Amino acid sequence: MRVLITGASGFLGKALCRELTARGDDITPLSSKDGDLTRADSLDRFGEQSYDQIYHLAAWTQAGDFCLHHAGEQWIINQQINTNVLAWRQKSQPKAKLICMGTSCAYAPECELKEENYLVGTPIESLFTYAHTKRMLYVGLLALNKQFGLNYLCLVPSTLYGPGYHTDGRQMHFIFDLIRKIIRGKLRGEPVLLWGDGYQSRELVFVDDFVRVALDLASTRNNDLINIGAGEEFTIRHFAKLICEKVGYPFASIQFDAQRYVGARSKCLNIDKLRQISPKLNLTPLKTGLEKTIEWMLKEETKL
């Protein structure tokens, strides 16, 4: 199978490319070095090849409070990227199945985080712009399917974690930031200050689990929106305690700054639909996944 992947150099992109290669697929991995997706002609040179699937992972964003400071840029850049990918696919690859990534922040905080509510209500203010660019991406999939019959799948991931995350100075998702701070506290004696009071809750999915589930769904589900999560969430304090146990750092030494940005207080995807589709869903236990991630980050400590 021939597969094109945008955002192939990202955390998820690298994991996806590894698995597709292991399965024997012929992949075309694209990163920003291979072309500027904000340009309408950026994908034209790939039009002569016929692809069976296109994974669109590219997005202009970062974790933490990035969205607070780049709302306008996020709207313009992500709308350009998504529009150009959808337009090129419609023009040059109409037979290819397009698999796109949604975002859990598209769900309004007052609604249950289940698929029928993806376009309902108002997303959290701090992530409002990015959430709507992902909503618009989904609307584009619906529109192209309605008019041209183009096949798609939109997957909404919970926060992904595991070995291989970026260490290039960009803001990190909360779990990597927790691990980094606690490792530096242990090895360098730095104070460990965590944002928020520690009682905000989050859900994690091991990246290799996400890839495996995504590939299975891509081969069986058409024209659908599906959440991929663990179905359970834990407080930041719970994550921190597990990390402290593994690293050997005293949890009591951690400081919490309740005045800092934390985003949503709770975020856990409803995965009833996924469980119906995949009744034998088997995900990596949290403690196991954290241990693998911590071990990798310890090896990368000098880059953190």
Foldseek 3Di string as FASTA:
>chain_A
DEEEEEPLPAPLNVLLVVVCVVVPYHYHYDYVVQAQLLDLCGCVVVLVDAGQAYEYEDAPAFDDLGLQVCLPVRQSRLLSNLVSVLVCCVVRHQNHEYEYEAELQCADPVDAQEDVRSPPDAGFPSCRRNSVSRVVSLVSVVVCCVPPVRKYEYEYEFAEAFFDHDLPPTDHHQLVLLLLLQLCCLPVVDQAEAEAPQQQKGFYAYSNLVSVLSVVCVVPDIPYYAYDTDQDIDTSLVSNVLSCVLNVHDSVRHHYDNPGDDGDSYGGHDHPVVCVVPVPRDGDDPSVRSNRRSVNCVVVNVSD
